[in-house]
PDB file of N, CA and C in Angstrom:
ATOM      1  N   UNK A   1      12.657-137.673 139.786  1.00  0.00           N
ATOM      2  CA  UNK A   1      13.085-136.926 141.038  1.00  0.00           C
ATOM      3  C   UNK A   1      13.460-135.285 140.533  1.00  0.00           C
ATOM      4  N   UNK A   2      12.730-134.327 141.524  1.00  0.00           N
ATOM      5  CA  UNK A   2      13.058-133.001 141.141  1.00  0.00           C
ATOM      6  C   UNK A   2      13.954-132.661 142.336  1.00  0.00           C
ATOM      7  N   UNK A   3      15.241-131.740 142.193  1.00  0.00           N
ATOM      8  CA  UNK A   3      15.984-131.622 143.457  1.00  0.00           C
ATOM      9  C   UNK A   3      15.251-130.024 143.797  1.00  0.00           C
ATOM     10  N   UNK A   4      15.691-129.580 145.130  1.00  0.00           N
ATOM     11  CA  UNK A   4      15.098-128.471 145.277  1.00  0.00           C
ATOM     12  C   UNK A   4      16.191-127.089 144.921  1.00  0.00           C
ATOM     13  N   UNK A   5      15.621-125.869 144.536  1.00  0.00           N
ATOM     14  CA  UNK A   5      16.605-124.884 144.321  1.00  0.00           C
ATOM     15  C   UNK A   5      17.383-124.734 145.389  1.00  0.00           C
ATOM     16  N   UNK A   6      18.836-123.961 145.192  1.00  0.00           N
ATOM     17  CA  UNK A   6      20.047-123.904 146.162  1.00  0.00           C
ATOM     18  C   UNK A   6      19.304-122.169 146.877  1.00  0.00           C
ATOM     19  N   UNK A   7      19.087-122.278 148.124  1.00  0.00           N
ATOM     20  CA  UNK A   7      18.914-120.918 148.654  1.00  0.00           C
ATOM     21  C   UNK A   7      19.984-119.803 148.587  1.00  0.00           C
ATOM     22  N   UNK A   8      20.040-118.856 148.595  1.00  0.00           N
ATOM     23  CA  UNK A   8      21.112-117.820 148.778  1.00  0.00           C
ATOM     24  C   UNK A   8      22.363-118.331 149.729  1.00  0.00           C
ATOM     25  N   UNK A   9      22.046-118.441 151.228  1.00  0.00           N
ATOM     26  CA  UNK A   9      22.569-119.033 152.084  1.00  0.00           C
ATOM     27  C   UNK A   9      23.733-120.223 151.853  1.00  0.00           C
ATOM     28  N   UNK A  10      22.916-121.037 151.289  1.00  0.00           N
ATOM     29  CA  UNK A  10      23.676-122.344 150.879  1.00  0.00           C
ATOM     30  C   UNK A  10      24.677-121.949 149.979  1.00  0.00           C
ATOM     31  N   UNK A  11      24.228-120.990 148.747  1.00  0.00           N
ATOM     32  CA  UNK A  11      25.209-120.775 147.834  1.00  0.00           C
ATOM     33  C   UNK A  11      26.309-119.872 148.343  1.00  0.00           C
ATOM     34  N   UNK A  12      26.297-119.285 149.101  1.00  0.00           N
ATOM     35  CA  UNK A  12      27.376-118.341 149.986  1.00  0.00           C
ATOM     36  C   UNK A  12      28.369-119.447 150.653  1.00  0.00           C
ATOM     37  N   UNK A  13      27.589-120.142 151.058  1.00  0.00           N
ATOM     38  CA  UNK A  13      28.593-121.376 151.912  1.00  0.00           C
ATOM     39  C   UNK A  13      29.115-121.981 150.942  1.00  0.00           C
ATOM     40  N   UNK A  14      28.671-122.667 149.618  1.00  0.00           N
ATOM     41  CA  UNK A  14      29.598-123.355 148.552  1.00  0.00           C
ATOM     42  C   UNK A  14      30.461-122.379 147.642  1.00  0.00           C
ATOM     43  N   UNK A  15      30.364-121.138 147.454  1.00  0.00           N
ATOM     44  CA  UNK A  15      31.055-120.297 146.803  1.00  0.00           C
ATOM     45  C   UNK A  15      32.266-119.494 147.743  1.00  0.00           C
ATOM     46  N   UNK A  16      33.552-120.020 148.020  1.00  0.00           N
ATOM     47  CA  UNK A  16      34.164-119.281 148.749  1.00  0.00           C
ATOM     48  C   UNK A  16      34.269-117.704 148.279  1.00  0.00           C
ATOM     49  N   UNK A  17      34.575-116.981 149.100  1.00  0.00           N
ATOM     50  CA  UNK A  17      34.425-115.467 149.095  1.00  0.00           C
ATOM     51  C   UNK A  17      35.972-115.122 149.355  1.00  0.00           C
ATOM     52  N   UNK A  18      36.646-113.955 148.368  1.00  0.00           N
ATOM     53  CA  UNK A  18      37.986-113.690 148.237  1.00  0.00           C
ATOM     54  C   UNK A  18      38.262-112.370 148.875  1.00  0.00           C
ATOM     55  N   UNK A  19      38.852-112.044 149.815  1.00  0.00           N
ATOM     56  CA  UNK A  19      38.618-110.508 150.192  1.00  0.00           C
ATOM     57  C   UNK A  19      39.993-109.793 149.523  1.00  0.00           C
ATOM     58  N   UNK A  20      40.138-109.098 148.469  1.00  0.00           N
ATOM     59  CA  UNK A  20      41.293-108.566 147.853  1.00  0.00           C
ATOM     60  C   UNK A  20      41.828-108.101 148.570  1.00  0.00           C
ATOM     61  N   UNK A  21      41.458-107.175 149.481  1.00  0.00           N
ATOM     62  CA  UNK A  21      42.421-106.182 150.589  1.00  0.00           C
ATOM     63  C   UNK A  21      43.451-106.926 151.305  1.00  0.00           C
ATOM     64  N   UNK A  22      42.762-108.167 151.775  1.00  0.00           N
ATOM     65  CA  UNK A  22      43.748-108.893 152.297  1.00  0.00           C
ATOM     66  C   UNK A  22      44.878-109.541 151.347  1.00  0.00           C
ATOM     67  N   UNK A  23      44.471-109.733 150.491  1.00  0.00           N
ATOM     68  CA  UNK A  23      45.476-110.742 149.816  1.00  0.00           C
ATOM     69  C   UNK A  23      46.529-109.430 149.065  1.00  0.00           C
ATOM     70  N   UNK A  24      46.040-108.013 148.743  1.00  0.00           N
ATOM     71  CA  UNK A  24      46.648-107.124 148.700  1.00  0.00           C
ATOM     72  C   UNK A  24      47.602-107.363 149.963  1.00  0.00           C
ATOM     73  N   UNK A  25      47.450-106.960 150.765  1.00  0.00           N
ATOM     74  CA  UNK A  25      48.001-106.757 152.455  1.00  0.00           C
ATOM     75  C   UNK A  25      49.099-107.880 152.187  1.00  0.00           C
ATOM     76  N   UNK A  26      48.820-109.011 152.180  1.00  0.00           N
ATOM     77  CA  UNK A  26      50.029-110.180 151.972  1.00  0.00           C
ATOM     78  C   UNK A  26      50.338-109.832 151.030  1.00  0.00           C
ATOM     79  N   UNK A  27      50.237-109.722 149.922  1.00  0.00           N
ATOM     80  CA  UNK A  27      51.590-109.210 149.050  1.00  0.00           C
ATOM     81  C   UNK A  27      52.524-108.233 148.931  1.00  0.00           C
ATOM     82  N   UNK A  28      51.964-107.021 149.781  1.00  0.00           N
ATOM     83  CA  UNK A  28      52.809-106.295 149.988  1.00  0.00           C
ATOM     84  C   UNK A  28      53.658-106.612 150.922  1.00  0.00           C
ATOM     85  N   UNK A  29      53.036-107.055 152.170  1.00  0.00           N
ATOM     86  CA  UNK A  29      54.307-107.742 153.272  1.00  0.00           C
ATOM     87  C   UNK A  29      55.072-108.581 152.813  1.00  0.00           C
ATOM     88  N   UNK A  30      54.809-109.440 151.783  1.00  0.00           N
ATOM     89  CA  UNK A  30      55.711-110.680 151.277  1.00  0.00           C
ATOM     90  C   UNK A  30      56.802-109.681 150.228  1.00  0.00           C
ATOM     91  N   UNK A  31      56.416-108.502 149.892  1.00  0.00           N
ATOM     92  CA  UNK A  31      57.191-108.011 148.702  1.00  0.00           C
ATOM     93  C   UNK A  31      58.209-106.646 149.766  1.00  0.00           C
ATOM     94  N   UNK A  32      57.470-106.508 151.014  1.00  0.00           N
ATOM     95  CA  UNK A  32      58.390-105.718 151.633  1.00  0.00           C
ATOM     96  C   UNK A  32      59.376-106.798 151.954  1.00  0.00           C
ATOM     97  N   UNK A  33      59.144-107.773 153.168  1.00  0.00           N
ATOM     98  CA  UNK A  33      60.251-108.682 153.281  1.00  0.00           C
ATOM     99  C   UNK A  33      61.013-108.889 152.303  1.00  0.00           C
ATOM    100  N   UNK A  34      60.801-109.473 150.924  1.00  0.00           N
ATOM    101  CA  UNK A  34      61.915-110.043 149.846  1.00  0.00           C
ATOM    102  C   UNK A  34      62.637-108.848 149.445  1.00  0.00           C
ATOM    103  N   UNK A  35      61.881-107.371 149.987  1.00  0.00           N
ATOM    104  CA  UNK A  35      62.922-106.169 149.460  1.00  0.00           C
ATOM    105  C   UNK A  35      64.294-106.097 150.657  1.00  0.00           C
ATOM    106  N   UNK A  36      63.957-106.285 151.981  1.00  0.00           N
ATOM    107  CA  UNK A  36      64.662-106.203 152.796  1.00  0.00           C
ATOM    108  C   UNK A  36      65.740-107.167 153.033  1.00  0.00           C
ATOM    109  N   UNK A  37      65.155-108.461 152.424  1.00  0.00           N
ATOM    110  CA  UNK A  37      66.251-109.637 152.507  1.00  0.00           C
ATOM    111  C   UNK A  37      67.384-109.638 151.451  1.00  0.00           C
ATOM    112  N   UNK A  38      66.621-109.077 150.050  1.00  0.00           N
ATOM    113  CA  UNK A  38      67.614-108.671 149.180  1.00  0.00           C
ATOM    114  C   UNK A  38      68.547-107.662 149.129  1.00  0.00           C
ATOM    115  N   UNK A  39      68.310-106.526 150.064  1.00  0.00           N
ATOM    116  CA  UNK A  39      69.319-105.290 150.996  1.00  0.00           C
ATOM    117  C   UNK A  39      70.211-105.803 151.469  1.00  0.00           C
ATOM    118  N   UNK A  40      69.749-106.920 152.644  1.00  0.00           N
ATOM    119  CA  UNK A  40      70.848-107.192 153.487  1.00  0.00           C
ATOM    120  C   UNK A  40      71.545-108.331 152.951  1.00  0.00           C
ATOM    121  N   UNK A  41      71.494-109.061 151.539  1.00  0.00           N
ATOM    122  CA  UNK A  41      72.486-109.980 150.898  1.00  0.00           C
ATOM    123  C   UNK A  41      72.823-108.780 150.083  1.00  0.00           C
ATOM    124  N   UNK A  42      72.603-107.665 149.869  1.00  0.00           N
ATOM    125  CA  UNK A  42      73.673-106.718 148.889  1.00  0.00           C
ATOM    126  C   UNK A  42      74.659-106.436 150.035  1.00  0.00           C
ATOM    127  N   UNK A  43      74.196-105.962 151.272  1.00  0.00           N
ATOM    128  CA  UNK A  43      75.316-105.295 152.417  1.00  0.00           C
ATOM    129  C   UNK A  43      75.903-106.582 152.573  1.00  0.00           C
ATOM    130  N   UNK A  44      75.651-107.662 152.922  1.00  0.00           N
ATOM    131  CA  UNK A  44      76.693-109.151 152.980  1.00  0.00           C
ATOM    132  C   UNK A  44      77.736-108.817 152.097  1.00  0.00           C
ATOM    133  N   UNK A  45      77.150-108.902 150.852  1.00  0.00           N
ATOM    134  CA  UNK A  45      78.219-108.941 149.701  1.00  0.00           C
ATOM    135  C   UNK A  45      79.595-108.149 149.579  1.00  0.00           C
ATOM    136  N   UNK A  46      78.352-106.713 149.918  1.00  0.00           N
ATOM    137  CA  UNK A  46      79.709-105.520 149.826  1.00  0.00           C
ATOM    138  C   UNK A  46      80.684-105.583 151.388  1.00  0.00           C
ATOM    139  N   UNK A  47      80.289-106.344 151.952  1.00  0.00           N
ATOM    140  CA  UNK A  47      81.169-106.564 153.545  1.00  0.00           C
ATOM    141  C   UNK A  47      82.541-107.658 152.851  1.00  0.00           C
ATOM    142  N   UNK A  48      81.562-108.674 152.486  1.00  0.00           N
ATOM    143  CA  UNK A  48      82.801-109.421 151.696  1.00  0.00           C
ATOM    144  C   UNK A  48      83.832-109.240 150.883  1.00  0.00           C
ATOM    145  N   UNK A  49      83.159-108.330 149.875  1.00  0.00           N
ATOM    146  CA  UNK A  49      83.854-107.861 148.973  1.00  0.00           C
ATOM    147  C   UNK A  49      85.189-106.935 149.440  1.00  0.00           C
ATOM    148  N   UNK A  50      84.775-106.388 150.545  1.00  0.00           N
ATOM    149  CA  UNK A  50      85.514-105.403 151.348  1.00  0.00           C
ATOM    150  C   UNK A  50      86.369-105.962 152.293  1.00  0.00           C
ATOM    151  N   UNK A  51      86.736-107.275 152.374  1.00  0.00           N
ATOM    152  CA  UNK A  51      87.515-107.847 153.299  1.00  0.00           C
ATOM    153  C   UNK A  51      88.732-107.846 153.062  1.00  0.00           C
ATOM    154  N   UNK A  52      89.672-107.630 154.058  1.00  0.00           N
ATOM    155  CA  UNK A  52      91.064-108.090 153.283  1.00  0.00           C
ATOM    156  C   UNK A  52      91.584-109.452 152.810  1.00  0.00           C
ATOM    157  N   UNK A  53      92.487-109.631 152.182  1.00  0.00           N
ATOM    158  CA  UNK A  53      92.883-111.201 151.982  1.00  0.00           C
ATOM    159  C   UNK A  53      93.769-111.572 152.869  1.00  0.00           C
ATOM    160  N   UNK A  54      94.370-112.411 153.157  1.00  0.00           N
ATOM    161  CA  UNK A  54      95.124-113.074 154.044  1.00  0.00           C
ATOM    162  C   UNK A  54      96.469-112.570 153.752  1.00  0.00           C
ATOM    163  N   UNK A  55      96.786-112.411 152.271  1.00  0.00           N
ATOM    164  CA  UNK A  55      98.051-111.803 152.639  1.00  0.00           C
ATOM    165  C   UNK A  55      97.781-110.448 152.856  1.00  0.00           C
ATOM    166  N   UNK A  56      96.917-109.570 152.585  1.00  0.00           N
ATOM    167  CA  UNK A  56      96.953-107.953 153.250  1.00  0.00           C
ATOM    168  C   UNK A  56      97.056-108.001 154.686  1.00  0.00           C
ATOM    169  N   UNK A  57      96.229-109.297 155.446  1.00  0.00           N
ATOM    170  CA  UNK A  57      96.664-109.226 156.771  1.00  0.00           C
ATOM    171  C   UNK A  57      97.867-109.528 156.850  1.00  0.00           C
ATOM    172  N   UNK A  58      98.406-110.414 156.827  1.00  0.00           N
ATOM    173  CA  UNK A  58      99.997-110.795 156.942  1.00  0.00           C
ATOM    174  C   UNK A  58     100.654-109.345 156.715  1.00  0.00           C
ATOM    175  N   UNK A  59     100.735-108.630 155.582  1.00  0.00           N
ATOM    176  CA  UNK A  59     101.313-107.785 155.113  1.00  0.00           C
ATOM    177  C   UNK A  59     101.128-106.798 156.589  1.00  0.00           C
ATOM    178  N   UNK A  60     100.008-106.571 156.799  1.00  0.00           N
ATOM    179  CA  UNK A  60      99.556-104.847 157.302  1.00  0.00           C
ATOM    180  C   UNK A  60     100.300-105.671 159.346  1.00  0.00           C
ATOM    181  N   UNK A  61     100.267-107.075 159.605  1.00  0.00           N
ATOM    182  CA  UNK A  61     100.656-107.421 160.953  1.00  0.00           C
ATOM    183  C   UNK A  61     102.233-107.104 161.151  1.00  0.00           C
ATOM    184  N   UNK A  62     102.915-107.712 159.467  1.00  0.00           N
ATOM    185  CA  UNK A  62     104.285-107.534 159.741  1.00  0.00           C
ATOM    186  C   UNK A  62     104.847-106.439 159.871  1.00  0.00           C
ATOM    187  N   UNK A  63     104.239-105.438 158.979  1.00  0.00           N
ATOM    188  CA  UNK A  63     104.491-104.097 158.521  1.00  0.00           C
ATOM    189  C   UNK A  63     104.690-103.333 160.139  1.00  0.00           C
ATOM    190  N   UNK A  64     103.363-103.689 160.861  1.00  0.00           N
ATOM    191  CA  UNK A  64     103.077-103.227 161.991  1.00  0.00           C
ATOM    192  C   UNK A  64     103.903-103.342 163.187  1.00  0.00           C
ATOM    193  N   UNK A  65     104.541-104.579 163.051  1.00  0.00           N
ATOM    194  CA  UNK A  65     105.414-105.131 163.939  1.00  0.00           C
ATOM    195  C   UNK A  65     107.276-105.067 163.340  1.00  0.00           C
ATOM    196  N   UNK A  66     107.481-103.760 162.230  1.00  0.00           N
ATOM    197  CA  UNK A  66     108.494-103.750 161.876  1.00  0.00           C
ATOM    198  C   UNK A  66     109.715-105.188 161.631  1.00  0.00           C
ATOM    199  N   UNK A  67     108.917-106.219 161.113  1.00  0.00           N
ATOM    200  CA  UNK A  67     109.628-107.341 161.140  1.00  0.00           C
ATOM    201  C   UNK A  67     110.256-106.689 159.979  1.00  0.00           C
ATOM    202  N   UNK A  68     111.678-107.463 159.746  1.00  0.00           N
ATOM    203  CA  UNK A  68     112.626-107.336 158.692  1.00  0.00           C
ATOM    204  C   UNK A  68     112.564-108.529 157.712  1.00  0.00           C
ATOM    205  N   UNK A  69     111.641-109.356 158.128  1.00  0.00           N
ATOM    206  CA  UNK A  69     111.082-110.740 157.464  1.00  0.00           C
ATOM    207  C   UNK A  69     110.353-110.756 156.608  1.00  0.00           C
ATOM    208  N   UNK A  70     109.230-109.289 156.595  1.00  0.00           N
ATOM    209  CA  UNK A  70     108.397-109.434 155.884  1.00  0.00           C
ATOM    210  C   UNK A  70     108.147-109.634 154.371  1.00  0.00           C
ATOM    211  N   UNK A  71     109.129-109.381 153.463  1.00  0.00           N
ATOM    212  CA  UNK A  71     109.116-109.805 151.988  1.00  0.00           C
ATOM    213  C   UNK A  71     109.201-111.270 152.362  1.00  0.00           C
ATOM    214  N   UNK A  72     109.658-111.578 152.579  1.00  0.00           N
ATOM    215  CA  UNK A  72     110.120-113.225 152.646  1.00  0.00           C
ATOM    216  C   UNK A  72     108.613-113.785 153.076  1.00  0.00           C
ATOM    217  N   UNK A  73     108.413-113.490 153.797  1.00  0.00           N
ATOM    218  CA  UNK A  73     107.317-114.423 154.548  1.00  0.00           C
ATOM    219  C   UNK A  73     106.048-114.159 153.580  1.00  0.00           C
ATOM    220  N   UNK A  74     105.700-112.903 153.188  1.00  0.00           N
ATOM    221  CA  UNK A  74     104.839-112.543 152.228  1.00  0.00           C
ATOM    222  C   UNK A  74     104.946-113.439 150.895  1.00  0.00           C
ATOM    223  N   UNK A  75     105.678-113.688 150.204  1.00  0.00           N
ATOM    224  CA  UNK A  75     106.184-114.310 149.411  1.00  0.00           C
ATOM    225  C   UNK A  75     106.065-115.745 149.850  1.00  0.00           C
ATOM    226  N   UNK A  76     106.565-116.279 150.683  1.00  0.00           N
ATOM    227  CA  UNK A  76     106.194-117.922 151.002  1.00  0.00           C
ATOM    228  C   UNK A  76     104.516-118.186 151.330  1.00  0.00           C
ATOM    229  N   UNK A  77     104.159-117.053 152.095  1.00  0.00           N
ATOM    230  CA  UNK A  77     102.612-117.168 152.172  1.00  0.00           C
ATOM    231  C   UNK A  77     101.731-117.581 150.925  1.00  0.00           C
ATOM    232  N   UNK A  78     102.292-116.567 149.794  1.00  0.00           N
ATOM    233  CA  UNK A  78     101.216-116.593 148.677  1.00  0.00           C
ATOM    234  C   UNK A  78     102.061-117.900 147.818  1.00  0.00           C
ATOM    235  N   UNK A  79     103.404-118.438 148.128  1.00  0.00           N
ATOM    236  CA  UNK A  79     103.414-119.663 147.703  1.00  0.00           C
ATOM    237  C   UNK A  79     102.785-120.704 148.145  1.00  0.00           C
ATOM    238  N   UNK A  80     102.494-120.670 149.425  1.00  0.00           N
ATOM    239  CA  UNK A  80     101.951-121.810 150.402  1.00  0.00           C
ATOM    240  C   UNK A  80     100.352-121.657 150.131  1.00  0.00           C
ATOM    241  N   UNK A  81     100.111-120.417 149.712  1.00  0.00           N
ATOM    242  CA  UNK A  81      98.179-120.735 149.131  1.00  0.00           C
ATOM    243  C   UNK A  81      97.990-120.975 147.801  1.00  0.00           C
ATOM    244  N   UNK A  82      99.077-120.764 146.700  1.00  0.00           N
ATOM    245  CA  UNK A  82      99.101-121.143 145.430  1.00  0.00           C
ATOM    246  C   UNK A  82      99.249-122.859 145.588  1.00  0.00           C
ATOM    247  N   UNK A  83     100.126-123.211 146.596  1.00  0.00           N
ATOM    248  CA  UNK A  83     100.673-124.721 146.696  1.00  0.00           C
ATOM    249  C   UNK A  83      98.730-125.456 147.039  1.00  0.00           C
ATOM    250  N   UNK A  84      98.489-124.885 147.985  1.00  0.00           N
ATOM    251  CA  UNK A  84      96.998-125.430 148.278  1.00  0.00           C
ATOM    252  C   UNK A  84      95.924-125.446 147.174  1.00  0.00           C
ATOM    253  N   UNK A  85      95.982-124.301 146.665  1.00  0.00           N
ATOM    254  CA  UNK A  85      94.873-124.287 145.609  1.00  0.00           C
ATOM    255  C   UNK A  85      95.130-125.331 144.655  1.00  0.00           C
ATOM    256  N   UNK A  86      96.495-125.504 144.312  1.00  0.00           N
ATOM    257  CA  UNK A  86      96.692-126.611 143.341  1.00  0.00           C
ATOM    258  C   UNK A  86      96.405-127.664 143.249  1.00  0.00           C
ATOM    259  N   UNK A  87      96.246-128.081 144.857  1.00  0.00           N
ATOM    260  CA  UNK A  87      95.701-129.558 145.307  1.00  0.00           C
ATOM    261  C   UNK A  87      94.192-129.762 145.646  1.00  0.00           C
ATOM    262  N   UNK A  88      93.436-128.545 145.131  1.00  0.00           N
ATOM    263  CA  UNK A  88      92.360-128.094 144.537  1.00  0.00           C
ATOM    264  C   UNK A  88      91.498-128.933 146.378  1.00  0.00           C
ATOM    265  N   UNK A  89      91.676-128.028 147.546  1.00  0.00           N
ATOM    266  CA  UNK A  89      91.518-128.278 148.451  1.00  0.00           C
ATOM    267  C   UNK A  89      89.609-128.371 148.668  1.00  0.00           C
ATOM    268  N   UNK A  90      88.846-129.018 148.792  1.00  0.00           N
ATOM    269  CA  UNK A  90      87.174-129.297 149.071  1.00  0.00           C
ATOM    270  C   UNK A  90      86.506-128.306 150.164  1.00  0.00           C
ATOM    271  N   UNK A  91      87.451-127.941 151.174  1.00  0.00           N
ATOM    272  CA  UNK A  91      86.880-126.808 152.001  1.00  0.00           C
ATOM    273  C   UNK A  91      87.989-125.864 152.550  1.00  0.00           C
ATOM    274  N   UNK A  92      87.767-124.817 153.196  1.00  0.00           N
ATOM    275  CA  UNK A  92      88.404-123.524 153.914  1.00  0.00           C
ATOM    276  C   UNK A  92      89.960-124.613 154.731  1.00  0.00           C
ATOM    277  N   UNK A  93      89.019-125.190 155.486  1.00  0.00           N
ATOM    278  CA  UNK A  93      90.248-126.197 156.887  1.00  0.00           C
ATOM    279  C   UNK A  93      90.919-126.831 156.008  1.00  0.00           C
ATOM    280  N   UNK A  94      90.798-127.737 154.779  1.00  0.00           N
ATOM    281  CA  UNK A  94      91.768-128.200 154.078  1.00  0.00           C
ATOM    282  C   UNK A  94      92.472-127.514 153.656  1.00  0.00           C
ATOM    283  N   UNK A  95      92.135-126.639 152.951  1.00  0.00           N
ATOM    284  CA  UNK A  95      93.244-125.314 152.065  1.00  0.00           C
ATOM    285  C   UNK A  95      94.566-124.794 153.286  1.00  0.00           C
ATOM    286  N   UNK A  96      93.619-124.340 154.864  1.00  0.00           N
ATOM    287  CA  UNK A  96      94.715-123.881 155.744  1.00  0.00           C
ATOM    288  C   UNK A  96      95.637-125.007 156.012  1.00  0.00           C
ATOM    289  N   UNK A  97      95.521-126.691 156.108  1.00  0.00           N
ATOM    290  CA  UNK A  97      96.428-127.439 156.357  1.00  0.00           C
ATOM    291  C   UNK A  97      97.487-127.944 155.421  1.00  0.00           C
ATOM    292  N   UNK A  98      96.666-127.522 153.943  1.00  0.00           N
ATOM    293  CA  UNK A  98      98.033-127.834 153.103  1.00  0.00           C
ATOM    294  C   UNK A  98      98.918-126.796 153.305  1.00  0.00           C
ATOM    295  N   UNK A  99      98.582-125.238 153.214  1.00  0.00           N
ATOM    296  CA  UNK A  99      99.342-124.197 153.063  1.00  0.00           C
ATOM    297  C   UNK A  99     100.046-124.489 154.550  1.00  0.00           C
ATOM    298  N   UNK A 100      99.467-124.720 155.734  1.00  0.00           N
ATOM    299  CA  UNK A 100     100.825-125.112 156.869  1.00  0.00           C
ATOM    300  C   UNK A 100     101.636-126.359 156.305  1.00  0.00           C
ATOM    301  N   UNK A 101     101.238-127.223 155.646  1.00  0.00           N
ATOM    302  CA  UNK A 101     102.273-128.631 155.586  1.00  0.00           C
ATOM    303  C   UNK A 101     103.241-127.548 154.289  1.00  0.00           C
ATOM    304  N   UNK A 102     102.918-127.019 153.528  1.00  0.00           N
ATOM    305  CA  UNK A 102     103.855-126.200 152.855  1.00  0.00           C
ATOM    306  C   UNK A 102     104.814-125.571 153.559  1.00  0.00           C
ATOM    307  N   UNK A 103     104.507-124.822 154.585  1.00  0.00           N
ATOM    308  CA  UNK A 103     105.216-123.915 155.544  1.00  0.00           C
ATOM    309  C   UNK A 103     106.035-124.885 156.380  1.00  0.00           C
ATOM    310  N   UNK A 104     105.422-126.180 156.655  1.00  0.00           N
ATOM    311  CA  UNK A 104     106.832-127.086 157.051  1.00  0.00           C
ATOM    312  C   UNK A 104     107.748-127.624 156.617  1.00  0.00           C
ATOM    313  N   UNK A 105     107.578-128.155 155.209  1.00  0.00           N
ATOM    314  CA  UNK A 105     108.527-129.042 154.311  1.00  0.00           C
ATOM    315  C   UNK A 105     109.168-127.360 154.222  1.00  0.00           C
ATOM    316  N   UNK A 106     109.075-126.083 153.823  1.00  0.00           N
ATOM    317  CA  UNK A 106     109.990-124.933 153.862  1.00  0.00           C
ATOM    318  C   UNK A 106     110.861-124.699 154.892  1.00  0.00           C
ATOM    319  N   UNK A 107     110.535-124.971 156.025  1.00  0.00           N
ATOM    320  CA  UNK A 107     111.231-124.951 157.131  1.00  0.00           C
ATOM    321  C   UNK A 107     112.043-125.767 157.698  1.00  0.00           C
ATOM    322  N   UNK A 108     111.503-127.094 157.499  1.00  0.00           N
ATOM    323  CA  UNK A 108     112.490-128.144 157.434  1.00  0.00           C
ATOM    324  C   UNK A 108     113.442-128.456 156.204  1.00  0.00           C
ATOM    325  N   UNK A 109     113.454-127.736 155.160  1.00  0.00           N
ATOM    326  CA  UNK A 109     114.607-127.450 154.413  1.00  0.00           C
ATOM    327  C   UNK A 109     115.603-126.998 154.794  1.00  0.00           C
TER     328      UNK A 109
END
């Protein structure tokens, strides 16, 4: 049993063609998108690193309001956050609750 030879048209249907230009364009678009994302993450990281700490915010607030209690509040807030950190909270809300708990205990003494 003899098979018929494959015609050039049938050959073209069997072998997929690769458009190199389309691949290069897709690669360039992906590379550009990745570069933009990487830049956005760098900018976000810089913003996060430049944000003031809670202690800095409290200090600025108290000093702006000319509070005579500023040093005591700063000391107790640092202690509260240290206390909360020792308890190893699993999220920020839990850490805030622990710090508030510390303040309540301090106020009630």
